[in-house]
N, C-alpha and C. Protein backbone atom coordinates (compact mmCIF):
# COMPACT_ATOMS: atom_id res chain seq x y z
N MET A 1 0.83 -1.16 0.00
CA MET A 1 0.02 -0.04 -0.05
C MET A 1 0.84 1.25 0.02
N PRO A 2 0.55 2.28 -0.76
CA PRO A 2 1.11 3.57 -0.75
C PRO A 2 1.40 4.00 0.60
N THR A 3 2.42 4.55 0.93
CA THR A 3 2.53 5.20 2.33
C THR A 3 2.67 6.72 2.20
N LEU A 4 2.84 7.44 0.99
CA LEU A 4 3.04 8.69 0.81
C LEU A 4 1.90 9.17 -0.28
N THR A 5 1.42 10.45 -0.03
CA THR A 5 0.37 11.06 -0.94
C THR A 5 1.11 12.19 -1.57
N LEU A 6 1.14 12.24 -2.95
CA LEU A 6 1.67 13.48 -3.56
C LEU A 6 0.57 14.20 -4.31
N TYR A 7 0.50 15.43 -4.12
CA TYR A 7 -0.28 16.32 -4.82
C TYR A 7 0.65 16.99 -6.00
N GLY A 8 0.23 16.67 -7.21
CA GLY A 8 1.09 17.17 -8.36
C GLY A 8 0.22 17.55 -9.56
N ALA A 9 0.85 17.83 -10.67
CA ALA A 9 0.31 18.02 -11.94
C ALA A 9 1.24 17.67 -13.10
N PRO A 10 0.71 17.11 -14.06
CA PRO A 10 1.51 16.89 -15.29
C PRO A 10 2.35 18.18 -15.76
N GLY A 11 3.53 18.12 -16.06
CA GLY A 11 4.20 19.34 -16.62
C GLY A 11 4.72 20.38 -15.43
N SER A 12 4.54 19.86 -14.32
CA SER A 12 4.77 20.86 -12.97
C SER A 12 6.06 20.42 -12.27
N GLY A 13 6.37 21.22 -11.44
CA GLY A 13 7.54 20.90 -10.72
C GLY A 13 7.39 19.61 -9.80
N ALA A 14 6.24 19.28 -9.55
CA ALA A 14 6.01 18.03 -8.89
C ALA A 14 6.55 16.81 -9.60
N VAL A 15 6.81 16.93 -10.97
CA VAL A 15 7.29 15.74 -11.67
C VAL A 15 8.67 15.50 -11.28
N ALA A 16 9.37 16.38 -10.70
CA ALA A 16 10.81 16.18 -10.09
C ALA A 16 10.54 15.21 -9.08
N VAL A 17 9.53 15.44 -8.08
CA VAL A 17 9.32 14.63 -6.89
C VAL A 17 8.98 13.31 -7.50
N GLU A 18 8.14 13.26 -8.38
CA GLU A 18 7.74 11.88 -8.92
C GLU A 18 9.02 11.08 -9.41
N ALA A 19 9.91 11.78 -10.09
CA ALA A 19 11.15 11.05 -10.58
C ALA A 19 11.96 10.70 -9.42
N ALA A 20 12.12 11.38 -8.38
CA ALA A 20 12.75 10.91 -7.30
C ALA A 20 12.14 9.63 -6.69
N LEU A 21 10.95 9.80 -6.57
CA LEU A 21 10.19 8.56 -5.98
C LEU A 21 10.25 7.34 -6.87
N THR A 22 10.26 7.52 -8.17
CA THR A 22 10.40 6.44 -9.00
C THR A 22 11.90 5.81 -8.90
N LEU A 23 12.93 6.55 -8.74
CA LEU A 23 14.16 6.07 -8.69
C LEU A 23 14.37 5.48 -7.13
N ILE A 24 13.75 5.90 -6.15
CA ILE A 24 13.80 5.41 -4.96
C ILE A 24 13.06 4.07 -4.96
N GLY A 25 12.07 3.76 -5.78
CA GLY A 25 11.25 2.73 -5.71
C GLY A 25 10.15 2.72 -4.64
N GLN A 26 9.78 3.85 -4.19
CA GLN A 26 8.85 4.19 -3.09
C GLN A 26 7.45 4.37 -3.71
N PRO A 27 6.65 3.42 -3.34
CA PRO A 27 5.13 3.71 -3.78
C PRO A 27 4.47 4.79 -3.11
N TYR A 28 3.54 5.40 -4.02
CA TYR A 28 2.91 6.71 -3.53
C TYR A 28 1.56 6.79 -4.27
N SER A 29 0.67 7.42 -3.66
CA SER A 29 -0.53 7.70 -4.34
C SER A 29 -0.51 9.18 -4.86
N LEU A 30 -1.06 9.36 -6.01
CA LEU A 30 -1.06 10.71 -6.76
C LEU A 30 -2.24 11.39 -6.88
N ILE A 31 -2.28 12.68 -6.37
CA ILE A 31 -3.68 13.34 -6.62
C ILE A 31 -3.34 14.53 -7.51
N ASP A 32 -3.77 14.68 -8.71
CA ASP A 32 -3.48 15.74 -9.60
C ASP A 32 -4.35 17.07 -9.24
N ALA A 33 -3.51 18.10 -9.03
CA ALA A 33 -4.22 19.40 -8.67
C ALA A 33 -3.63 20.38 -9.72
N VAL A 34 -4.36 20.64 -10.88
CA VAL A 34 -3.91 21.44 -11.91
C VAL A 34 -4.12 22.92 -11.56
N THR A 35 -3.28 23.53 -10.80
CA THR A 35 -3.73 24.92 -10.17
C THR A 35 -3.76 25.96 -11.15
N TRP A 36 -3.24 25.81 -12.37
CA TRP A 36 -3.34 26.86 -13.46
C TRP A 36 -4.54 26.71 -14.36
N ASP A 37 -5.38 25.73 -14.13
CA ASP A 37 -6.48 25.65 -15.03
C ASP A 37 -7.69 26.31 -14.38
N GLU A 38 -7.81 27.57 -15.13
CA GLU A 38 -8.90 28.51 -14.55
C GLU A 38 -10.33 28.01 -15.08
N ASP A 39 -10.31 27.07 -15.94
CA ASP A 39 -11.65 26.55 -16.45
C ASP A 39 -12.03 25.40 -15.48
N ASP A 40 -11.32 24.96 -14.58
CA ASP A 40 -11.48 23.85 -13.68
C ASP A 40 -10.92 24.07 -12.28
N ARG A 41 -11.53 24.94 -11.61
CA ARG A 41 -10.91 25.58 -10.32
C ARG A 41 -10.90 24.30 -9.38
N THR A 42 -11.85 23.44 -9.44
CA THR A 42 -11.85 22.30 -8.37
C THR A 42 -10.67 21.59 -8.44
N SER A 43 -9.96 21.35 -9.70
CA SER A 43 -8.75 20.60 -9.81
C SER A 43 -7.72 21.18 -8.81
N GLY A 44 -7.49 22.48 -9.26
CA GLY A 44 -6.38 23.11 -8.34
C GLY A 44 -6.67 23.14 -6.87
N ASP A 45 -7.98 23.30 -6.69
CA ASP A 45 -8.39 23.44 -5.11
C ASP A 45 -8.02 21.98 -4.33
N ARG A 46 -7.83 20.90 -5.07
CA ARG A 46 -7.51 19.79 -4.37
C ARG A 46 -6.46 19.82 -3.44
N VAL A 47 -5.43 20.67 -3.75
CA VAL A 47 -4.22 20.68 -3.07
C VAL A 47 -4.32 21.53 -1.71
N LEU A 48 -5.50 22.34 -1.56
CA LEU A 48 -5.61 23.06 -0.49
C LEU A 48 -5.69 22.23 0.75
N ALA A 49 -6.04 20.95 0.80
CA ALA A 49 -5.92 20.22 1.90
C ALA A 49 -4.66 19.98 2.56
N ALA A 50 -3.53 20.20 1.61
CA ALA A 50 -2.15 20.03 2.07
C ALA A 50 -1.36 21.34 2.02
N ASN A 51 -1.87 22.30 1.12
CA ASN A 51 -0.99 23.54 1.04
C ASN A 51 -1.89 24.66 0.81
N PRO A 52 -2.09 25.55 1.78
CA PRO A 52 -3.05 26.71 1.62
C PRO A 52 -2.50 27.67 0.51
N LEU A 53 -1.42 27.57 0.13
CA LEU A 53 -0.90 28.50 -0.91
C LEU A 53 -1.34 27.98 -2.49
N ARG A 54 -2.09 26.89 -2.39
CA ARG A 54 -2.64 26.31 -3.66
C ARG A 54 -1.58 26.05 -4.68
N GLN A 55 -0.45 25.54 -4.10
CA GLN A 55 0.69 25.24 -5.03
C GLN A 55 0.98 23.67 -4.90
N VAL A 56 1.37 23.20 -5.99
CA VAL A 56 2.05 21.88 -6.09
C VAL A 56 3.55 21.92 -6.20
N PRO A 57 4.28 20.89 -5.77
CA PRO A 57 3.94 19.74 -4.97
C PRO A 57 3.79 19.93 -3.65
N ALA A 58 3.05 19.00 -3.06
CA ALA A 58 2.74 18.89 -1.74
C ALA A 58 2.84 17.38 -1.46
N LEU A 59 3.55 17.02 -0.49
CA LEU A 59 3.62 15.71 -0.03
C LEU A 59 3.26 15.33 1.34
N VAL A 60 2.23 14.47 1.46
CA VAL A 60 1.61 14.12 2.81
C VAL A 60 2.13 12.79 3.22
N LEU A 61 2.73 12.80 4.52
CA LEU A 61 3.30 11.66 5.09
C LEU A 61 2.22 10.73 5.65
N PRO A 62 2.57 9.51 5.98
CA PRO A 62 1.56 8.67 6.67
C PRO A 62 1.16 9.29 8.03
N THR A 63 2.00 10.05 8.73
CA THR A 63 1.50 10.72 9.84
C THR A 63 0.43 11.69 9.72
N GLY A 64 0.17 12.20 8.41
CA GLY A 64 -0.71 13.36 8.24
C GLY A 64 0.11 14.56 7.92
N GLU A 65 1.44 14.54 8.44
CA GLU A 65 2.22 15.83 8.10
C GLU A 65 2.33 16.10 6.60
N ALA A 66 2.36 17.51 6.34
CA ALA A 66 2.56 17.77 4.91
C ALA A 66 3.85 18.59 4.88
N LEU A 67 4.54 18.17 3.72
CA LEU A 67 5.69 18.95 3.22
C LEU A 67 5.37 19.69 1.90
N THR A 68 5.75 20.91 1.78
CA THR A 68 5.65 21.65 0.64
C THR A 68 6.90 22.20 0.22
N GLU A 69 7.08 22.78 -0.92
CA GLU A 69 8.30 23.34 -1.45
C GLU A 69 9.12 22.13 -2.04
N SER A 70 9.21 22.19 -3.42
CA SER A 70 9.84 21.18 -4.12
C SER A 70 11.16 20.82 -3.78
N ALA A 71 12.06 21.88 -3.39
CA ALA A 71 13.48 21.56 -2.93
C ALA A 71 13.49 20.91 -1.70
N ALA A 72 12.61 21.32 -0.60
CA ALA A 72 12.48 20.76 0.55
C ALA A 72 12.15 19.22 0.49
N ILE A 73 11.08 19.03 -0.37
CA ILE A 73 10.66 17.63 -0.53
C ILE A 73 11.71 16.83 -1.03
N LEU A 74 12.41 17.19 -2.02
CA LEU A 74 13.48 16.39 -2.73
C LEU A 74 14.62 16.27 -1.84
N ILE A 75 14.97 17.15 -0.96
CA ILE A 75 16.11 17.00 -0.02
C ILE A 75 15.67 15.90 1.04
N TRP A 76 14.34 16.13 1.55
CA TRP A 76 13.78 15.11 2.57
C TRP A 76 13.85 13.75 2.08
N LEU A 77 13.40 13.55 0.74
CA LEU A 77 13.24 12.14 0.27
C LEU A 77 14.67 11.48 0.10
N ALA A 78 15.67 12.37 -0.26
CA ALA A 78 17.02 11.79 -0.34
C ALA A 78 17.60 11.59 1.04
N GLU A 79 17.29 12.19 1.93
CA GLU A 79 17.65 11.81 3.39
C GLU A 79 16.95 10.55 4.00
N GLN A 80 15.70 10.53 3.60
CA GLN A 80 14.89 9.49 4.26
C GLN A 80 15.17 8.14 3.51
N TYR A 81 15.65 8.23 2.35
CA TYR A 81 15.98 6.84 1.58
C TYR A 81 17.48 6.93 1.15
N PRO A 82 18.46 6.91 2.10
CA PRO A 82 19.94 7.00 1.88
C PRO A 82 20.29 6.00 0.77
N ASP A 83 19.69 4.71 0.84
CA ASP A 83 20.15 3.59 -0.01
C ASP A 83 20.05 3.92 -1.53
N ALA A 84 19.18 4.96 -1.93
CA ALA A 84 19.01 5.36 -3.19
C ALA A 84 20.28 6.30 -3.71
N ARG A 85 20.92 6.89 -2.71
CA ARG A 85 22.13 7.76 -2.94
C ARG A 85 21.62 8.84 -3.97
N LEU A 86 20.58 9.59 -3.52
CA LEU A 86 20.31 10.70 -4.52
C LEU A 86 20.65 12.15 -4.06
N ALA A 87 21.60 12.11 -3.01
CA ALA A 87 22.23 13.25 -2.48
C ALA A 87 23.51 13.10 -1.67
N PRO A 88 24.37 14.08 -1.68
CA PRO A 88 25.66 13.72 -0.87
C PRO A 88 25.04 13.78 0.73
N ALA A 89 25.59 12.82 1.42
CA ALA A 89 25.15 12.60 2.74
C ALA A 89 25.76 13.69 3.66
N PRO A 90 25.02 14.18 4.74
CA PRO A 90 25.75 15.02 5.62
C PRO A 90 27.07 14.58 6.04
N GLY A 91 28.04 15.59 6.04
CA GLY A 91 29.33 15.16 6.26
C GLY A 91 30.15 15.09 4.93
N ASP A 92 29.53 14.78 4.05
CA ASP A 92 30.19 14.65 2.69
C ASP A 92 30.62 16.01 2.24
N PRO A 93 31.84 16.16 1.66
CA PRO A 93 32.42 17.41 1.32
C PRO A 93 31.53 18.28 0.23
N ARG A 94 30.78 17.37 -0.54
CA ARG A 94 29.93 18.06 -1.43
C ARG A 94 28.50 18.53 -0.92
N ARG A 95 28.26 18.26 0.32
CA ARG A 95 26.85 18.58 0.98
C ARG A 95 26.48 19.94 0.78
N GLY A 96 27.57 20.91 1.24
CA GLY A 96 27.29 22.35 1.19
C GLY A 96 26.84 22.89 -0.15
N GLN A 97 27.63 22.50 -1.11
CA GLN A 97 27.25 22.90 -2.50
C GLN A 97 25.98 22.34 -3.03
N PHE A 98 25.79 21.09 -2.66
CA PHE A 98 24.40 20.48 -2.86
C PHE A 98 23.32 21.25 -2.33
N LEU A 99 23.28 21.67 -1.18
CA LEU A 99 22.21 22.45 -0.49
C LEU A 99 22.22 23.83 -1.11
N ARG A 100 23.35 24.38 -1.43
CA ARG A 100 23.36 25.75 -1.98
C ARG A 100 22.56 25.71 -3.41
N TRP A 101 22.88 24.79 -4.31
CA TRP A 101 22.30 24.88 -5.50
C TRP A 101 20.81 24.39 -5.52
N MET A 102 20.37 23.42 -4.68
CA MET A 102 19.05 23.10 -4.52
C MET A 102 18.27 24.56 -4.11
N SER A 103 18.79 25.16 -3.02
CA SER A 103 18.07 26.49 -2.56
C SER A 103 18.19 27.45 -3.73
N PHE A 104 19.21 27.57 -4.57
CA PHE A 104 19.31 28.46 -5.55
C PHE A 104 18.30 28.28 -6.70
N VAL A 105 18.16 26.91 -7.04
CA VAL A 105 17.08 26.75 -8.07
C VAL A 105 15.89 27.18 -7.65
N SER A 106 15.53 26.84 -6.30
CA SER A 106 14.34 27.11 -5.78
C SER A 106 13.93 28.60 -5.59
N ALA A 107 14.93 29.34 -5.12
CA ALA A 107 14.77 30.73 -4.57
C ALA A 107 14.94 31.66 -5.78
N ALA A 108 16.05 31.49 -6.60
CA ALA A 108 16.40 32.46 -7.67
C ALA A 108 15.65 32.14 -8.95
N ILE A 109 15.24 30.83 -9.18
CA ILE A 109 14.62 30.55 -10.39
C ILE A 109 13.19 30.12 -10.40
N TYR A 110 12.84 29.22 -9.54
CA TYR A 110 11.57 28.56 -9.62
C TYR A 110 10.58 29.63 -8.97
N SER A 111 11.03 30.47 -8.08
CA SER A 111 10.02 31.43 -7.57
C SER A 111 9.54 32.42 -8.46
N LEU A 112 10.34 32.66 -9.44
CA LEU A 112 10.03 33.67 -10.51
C LEU A 112 8.65 33.38 -11.21
N TYR A 113 8.47 32.08 -11.27
CA TYR A 113 7.28 31.57 -12.11
C TYR A 113 5.96 32.14 -11.43
N TRP A 114 5.95 32.36 -10.18
CA TRP A 114 4.76 32.85 -9.58
C TRP A 114 4.29 34.31 -10.29
N VAL A 115 5.30 35.03 -10.73
CA VAL A 115 4.93 36.25 -11.45
C VAL A 115 4.84 36.03 -12.83
N LYS A 116 5.71 35.24 -13.31
CA LYS A 116 5.83 35.08 -14.83
C LYS A 116 4.64 34.38 -15.37
N ASP A 117 4.11 33.48 -14.70
CA ASP A 117 2.91 32.80 -15.03
C ASP A 117 1.55 33.63 -15.19
N ASP A 118 1.57 34.67 -14.33
CA ASP A 118 0.44 35.49 -14.22
C ASP A 118 0.93 36.96 -13.92
N PRO A 119 1.52 37.64 -14.89
CA PRO A 119 2.01 39.11 -14.66
C PRO A 119 1.06 40.10 -13.88
N THR A 120 -0.31 39.89 -14.08
CA THR A 120 -1.15 40.80 -13.35
C THR A 120 -1.14 40.50 -11.80
N ARG A 121 -0.29 39.55 -11.28
CA ARG A 121 -0.21 39.47 -9.92
C ARG A 121 0.53 40.52 -9.28
N LEU A 122 1.52 41.24 -10.15
CA LEU A 122 2.26 42.35 -9.83
C LEU A 122 2.14 43.58 -10.68
N ALA A 123 1.57 43.36 -11.80
CA ALA A 123 1.51 44.34 -12.79
C ALA A 123 0.04 44.37 -13.37
N PRO A 124 -0.83 45.01 -12.75
CA PRO A 124 -2.38 44.97 -13.06
C PRO A 124 -2.70 45.51 -14.46
N ASP A 125 -1.81 46.33 -15.01
CA ASP A 125 -1.98 46.96 -16.48
C ASP A 125 -1.52 45.75 -17.40
N PRO A 126 -2.47 45.14 -18.15
CA PRO A 126 -2.17 44.22 -19.22
C PRO A 126 -0.97 44.48 -20.00
N ALA A 127 -0.85 45.89 -20.44
CA ALA A 127 0.32 46.39 -21.32
C ALA A 127 1.68 46.03 -20.78
N ALA A 128 1.65 45.94 -19.41
CA ALA A 128 3.16 45.75 -18.83
C ALA A 128 3.53 44.28 -18.72
N GLY A 129 2.52 43.44 -19.19
CA GLY A 129 2.64 42.10 -19.05
C GLY A 129 3.87 41.38 -19.85
N PRO A 130 3.82 41.84 -21.21
CA PRO A 130 4.88 41.26 -22.15
C PRO A 130 6.23 41.64 -21.66
N VAL A 131 6.40 42.95 -21.26
CA VAL A 131 7.67 43.34 -20.73
C VAL A 131 8.09 42.61 -19.46
N LEU A 132 7.26 42.56 -18.53
CA LEU A 132 7.62 41.78 -17.35
C LEU A 132 8.07 40.29 -17.65
N VAL A 133 7.25 39.65 -18.55
CA VAL A 133 7.60 38.25 -18.81
C VAL A 133 8.97 38.16 -19.65
N ALA A 134 9.29 39.16 -20.44
CA ALA A 134 10.68 39.21 -21.17
C ALA A 134 11.64 39.38 -20.22
N ARG A 135 11.56 40.25 -19.20
CA ARG A 135 12.61 40.53 -18.22
C ARG A 135 12.76 39.37 -17.31
N THR A 136 11.71 38.71 -17.03
CA THR A 136 11.82 37.45 -16.12
C THR A 136 12.61 36.42 -16.84
N ASP A 137 12.26 36.22 -18.05
CA ASP A 137 12.89 35.21 -18.91
C ASP A 137 14.47 35.44 -18.99
N ASP A 138 14.79 36.87 -19.11
CA ASP A 138 16.23 37.18 -19.00
C ASP A 138 16.79 36.84 -17.69
N ARG A 139 16.10 37.13 -16.67
CA ARG A 139 16.55 36.96 -15.35
C ARG A 139 16.87 35.45 -15.05
N ILE A 140 15.84 34.55 -15.57
CA ILE A 140 16.07 33.16 -15.32
C ILE A 140 17.31 32.71 -16.17
N ALA A 141 17.57 33.16 -17.34
CA ALA A 141 18.59 32.61 -18.09
C ALA A 141 19.93 33.12 -17.50
N GLU A 142 19.96 34.28 -16.82
CA GLU A 142 20.95 35.02 -16.17
C GLU A 142 21.34 34.02 -15.02
N CYS A 143 20.29 33.65 -14.31
CA CYS A 143 20.58 32.67 -13.16
C CYS A 143 21.04 31.34 -13.53
N TRP A 144 20.66 30.77 -14.60
CA TRP A 144 21.19 29.49 -15.07
C TRP A 144 22.53 29.78 -15.55
N ARG A 145 22.91 30.87 -16.13
CA ARG A 145 24.37 31.27 -16.52
C ARG A 145 25.17 31.36 -15.28
N MET A 146 24.83 31.84 -14.22
CA MET A 146 25.62 32.07 -12.97
C MET A 146 25.83 30.61 -12.38
N MET A 147 24.80 29.86 -12.25
CA MET A 147 25.00 28.49 -11.81
C MET A 147 25.88 27.59 -12.51
N GLY A 148 25.78 27.78 -13.93
CA GLY A 148 26.68 27.02 -14.73
C GLY A 148 28.24 27.48 -14.61
N GLU A 149 28.42 28.77 -14.40
CA GLU A 149 29.85 29.32 -14.18
C GLU A 149 30.35 28.89 -12.93
N GLN A 150 29.61 28.60 -11.86
CA GLN A 150 30.01 28.43 -10.55
C GLN A 150 30.08 26.94 -10.14
N ILE A 151 29.21 26.09 -10.87
CA ILE A 151 29.17 24.70 -10.49
C ILE A 151 30.17 23.85 -11.18
N THR A 152 30.76 22.77 -10.50
CA THR A 152 31.83 21.92 -11.17
C THR A 152 31.24 20.64 -11.27
N PRO A 153 30.76 20.27 -12.43
CA PRO A 153 29.98 18.88 -12.42
C PRO A 153 31.00 17.88 -12.76
N GLY A 154 30.54 16.70 -12.61
CA GLY A 154 31.27 15.48 -13.06
C GLY A 154 30.41 14.74 -14.18
N ALA A 155 30.18 13.53 -13.95
CA ALA A 155 29.19 12.81 -14.85
C ALA A 155 27.84 13.40 -14.63
N TRP A 156 27.61 13.80 -13.36
CA TRP A 156 26.31 14.45 -12.99
C TRP A 156 26.64 15.81 -12.40
N LEU A 157 25.70 16.65 -11.89
CA LEU A 157 25.83 17.87 -11.32
C LEU A 157 26.64 17.91 -10.07
N MET A 158 26.48 16.91 -9.40
CA MET A 158 27.41 16.78 -7.98
C MET A 158 28.33 15.89 -8.05
N GLY A 159 28.86 15.47 -9.17
CA GLY A 159 30.01 14.55 -9.30
C GLY A 159 29.57 13.41 -10.00
N GLU A 160 29.99 12.11 -9.53
CA GLU A 160 29.85 10.90 -10.33
C GLU A 160 28.43 10.24 -9.96
N ALA A 161 27.64 10.63 -9.17
CA ALA A 161 26.40 10.11 -8.77
C ALA A 161 25.25 10.92 -9.24
N LEU A 162 24.31 10.50 -9.75
CA LEU A 162 22.95 11.22 -9.94
C LEU A 162 22.49 11.67 -8.66
N SER A 163 21.85 12.87 -8.61
CA SER A 163 21.27 13.30 -7.38
C SER A 163 20.02 13.95 -7.61
N VAL A 164 19.30 14.38 -6.59
CA VAL A 164 17.86 14.98 -6.88
C VAL A 164 18.06 16.50 -7.44
N LEU A 165 19.33 16.91 -7.48
CA LEU A 165 19.54 18.18 -8.03
C LEU A 165 19.50 18.07 -9.55
N ASP A 166 20.05 16.95 -10.01
CA ASP A 166 19.86 16.67 -11.57
C ASP A 166 18.31 16.58 -12.03
N LEU A 167 17.53 16.00 -11.04
CA LEU A 167 16.15 15.86 -11.41
C LEU A 167 15.48 17.19 -11.35
N TYR A 168 15.74 17.84 -10.41
CA TYR A 168 15.17 19.44 -10.21
C TYR A 168 15.58 20.17 -11.46
N VAL A 169 16.86 20.25 -11.85
CA VAL A 169 17.27 21.12 -12.87
C VAL A 169 16.62 20.56 -14.21
N ALA A 170 16.49 19.31 -14.45
CA ALA A 170 15.91 18.70 -15.56
C ALA A 170 14.48 19.18 -15.84
N VAL A 171 13.75 19.29 -14.65
CA VAL A 171 12.40 19.71 -14.73
C VAL A 171 12.13 21.21 -14.92
N VAL A 172 12.86 21.92 -14.07
CA VAL A 172 12.64 23.39 -14.13
C VAL A 172 13.25 23.93 -15.31
N SER A 173 14.26 23.39 -15.91
CA SER A 173 14.82 24.00 -17.11
C SER A 173 13.91 23.74 -18.37
N ARG A 174 12.88 22.94 -18.19
CA ARG A 174 11.87 22.79 -19.34
C ARG A 174 10.75 23.84 -19.20
N PHE A 175 10.76 24.45 -18.18
CA PHE A 175 9.73 25.66 -18.04
C PHE A 175 10.31 26.79 -19.02
N ARG A 176 9.26 27.67 -19.44
CA ARG A 176 9.79 28.77 -20.28
C ARG A 176 10.83 29.70 -19.50
N PRO A 177 11.91 30.08 -20.22
CA PRO A 177 12.25 30.14 -21.57
C PRO A 177 12.83 28.89 -22.16
N ARG A 178 12.68 27.80 -21.61
CA ARG A 178 12.80 26.45 -22.10
C ARG A 178 14.18 26.01 -22.47
N ARG A 179 14.25 24.82 -22.93
CA ARG A 179 15.78 24.30 -22.84
C ARG A 179 16.72 24.93 -23.83
N GLN A 180 16.38 25.52 -25.16
CA GLN A 180 17.32 25.88 -25.89
C GLN A 180 17.96 27.16 -25.28
N ARG A 181 17.33 27.81 -24.43
CA ARG A 181 17.97 29.04 -23.77
C ARG A 181 18.80 28.55 -22.46
N PHE A 182 18.32 27.61 -21.97
CA PHE A 182 18.94 27.05 -20.76
C PHE A 182 20.30 26.41 -21.39
N TYR A 183 20.50 25.78 -22.47
CA TYR A 183 21.56 25.22 -23.11
C TYR A 183 22.69 26.23 -23.43
N ALA A 184 22.09 27.31 -23.88
CA ALA A 184 22.98 28.47 -24.36
C ALA A 184 23.58 29.09 -23.04
N ALA A 185 22.70 29.20 -21.99
CA ALA A 185 23.21 29.96 -20.85
C ALA A 185 24.23 28.96 -20.06
N ALA A 186 24.03 27.78 -20.04
CA ALA A 186 24.68 26.92 -19.13
C ALA A 186 25.28 25.83 -19.82
N PRO A 187 26.12 25.90 -20.87
CA PRO A 187 26.51 24.59 -21.70
C PRO A 187 27.12 23.54 -20.91
N ASN A 188 27.71 23.96 -19.77
CA ASN A 188 28.43 22.76 -19.18
C ASN A 188 27.45 22.04 -18.35
N MET A 189 26.27 22.26 -18.30
CA MET A 189 25.19 21.43 -17.59
C MET A 189 24.39 20.88 -18.69
N ALA A 190 24.30 21.13 -20.01
CA ALA A 190 23.48 20.67 -21.07
C ALA A 190 23.40 19.17 -21.18
N ASP A 191 24.72 18.64 -21.29
CA ASP A 191 24.70 17.18 -21.69
C ASP A 191 24.22 16.40 -20.45
N ILE A 192 24.65 16.98 -19.26
CA ILE A 192 24.08 16.13 -17.99
C ILE A 192 22.58 16.02 -17.90
N ILE A 193 21.94 17.16 -18.29
CA ILE A 193 20.36 17.27 -18.16
C ILE A 193 19.92 16.52 -19.31
N ARG A 194 20.43 16.47 -20.49
CA ARG A 194 20.03 15.59 -21.58
C ARG A 194 20.09 14.07 -21.04
N ARG A 195 21.07 13.83 -20.21
CA ARG A 195 21.14 12.40 -19.72
C ARG A 195 20.08 12.05 -18.85
N VAL A 196 19.67 13.05 -18.05
CA VAL A 196 18.43 12.84 -17.26
C VAL A 196 17.11 12.50 -17.97
N ASP A 197 17.16 13.10 -19.14
CA ASP A 197 15.94 12.89 -20.07
C ASP A 197 15.89 11.48 -20.66
N VAL A 198 17.12 10.80 -20.94
CA VAL A 198 17.03 9.55 -21.35
C VAL A 198 17.27 8.44 -20.37
N HIS A 199 17.21 8.80 -19.05
CA HIS A 199 17.55 8.02 -17.93
C HIS A 199 16.59 6.55 -18.18
N PRO A 200 16.97 5.59 -18.38
CA PRO A 200 16.06 4.33 -18.57
C PRO A 200 15.03 4.10 -17.49
N GLN A 201 15.28 4.43 -16.24
CA GLN A 201 14.20 4.35 -15.09
C GLN A 201 13.23 5.26 -15.35
N LEU A 202 13.26 6.38 -15.96
CA LEU A 202 12.48 7.43 -15.94
C LEU A 202 11.65 7.60 -17.27
N GLN A 203 11.81 6.71 -18.34
CA GLN A 203 11.13 6.89 -19.38
C GLN A 203 9.66 6.80 -19.45
N THR A 204 9.05 5.96 -18.71
CA THR A 204 7.69 5.80 -18.58
C THR A 204 7.24 6.95 -17.91
N LEU A 205 7.73 7.38 -16.87
CA LEU A 205 7.36 8.77 -16.12
C LEU A 205 7.27 9.93 -17.08
N TRP A 206 8.36 10.12 -17.83
CA TRP A 206 8.51 11.33 -18.63
C TRP A 206 7.30 11.23 -19.63
N ALA A 207 7.17 10.12 -20.40
CA ALA A 207 6.16 9.83 -21.35
C ALA A 207 4.66 10.15 -20.77
N GLU A 208 4.51 9.78 -19.56
CA GLU A 208 3.01 9.89 -18.89
C GLU A 208 2.95 11.32 -18.26
N ARG A 209 4.05 12.01 -17.75
CA ARG A 209 3.83 13.17 -16.93
C ARG A 209 4.36 14.51 -17.48
N TYR A 210 5.42 14.17 -18.39
CA TYR A 210 5.94 15.37 -18.96
C TYR A 210 6.57 15.03 -20.35
N PRO A 211 5.81 14.66 -21.35
CA PRO A 211 6.22 14.07 -22.58
C PRO A 211 7.06 15.12 -23.31
N PHE A 212 8.00 14.43 -24.09
CA PHE A 212 8.86 15.34 -24.85
C PHE A 212 8.08 15.51 -26.29
N GLU A 213 7.12 16.38 -26.33
CA GLU A 213 6.32 16.56 -27.55
C GLU A 213 7.11 17.48 -28.48
N PRO A 214 6.78 17.48 -29.82
CA PRO A 214 7.43 18.50 -30.85
C PRO A 214 7.49 19.71 -30.28
N GLY A 215 8.72 20.35 -30.40
CA GLY A 215 8.90 21.68 -29.90
C GLY A 215 9.15 22.12 -28.30
N TRP A 216 9.19 20.87 -27.58
CA TRP A 216 9.16 20.95 -26.19
C TRP A 216 10.33 21.77 -25.66
N ASP A 217 11.46 21.81 -26.46
CA ASP A 217 12.72 22.47 -26.02
C ASP A 217 12.80 23.86 -26.46
N ALA A 218 11.79 24.36 -27.41
CA ALA A 218 11.98 25.74 -28.10
C ALA A 218 11.80 26.74 -26.95
N VAL A 219 12.32 27.96 -27.44
CA VAL A 219 12.27 29.01 -26.70
C VAL A 219 10.77 29.52 -26.64
């Protein structure tokens, strides 16, 4: 029987959590809550039981405790299931940089989509929307560039072992301005993230939850 309940949605940041659970081999129940579907508010409202911010992902533990924030969930999973080796362990020399980049993707990049997906949240004038989106795209690309210049990858972003950071970047880099701009901004991470795309254990998940449809990587 599943011991965890994940609120998510296809094509959302929750897919990174689904990828981690898949690699761990941990069963879970999935409740889709498509929070951006204005024509079906009840779908997005499902997550309110776990997250008052009406955002996915949210992970509910068997105790009833709810975890929110994708980076926190991914770090927690890696710690709870150490045999999967999806993060440098506490005390590992790479641990500090792992936590740094997990937090960076969450705070510097992922958080921008709250504004970018609906510019009227901060700019009520619809005429300001395209400028806000364009500048946000530029900021996202700049953050990827800074990360690429400061991280020292091996076979994977944190060295020779795949981690939840690879999964996180693989999913978030698919959001607009999408992969072509990500590749241009952070070329030293490009081949690593492409390797996540073709990971044999994740092919069914990608096909079902975040398909590589024509034009998926276009700006």
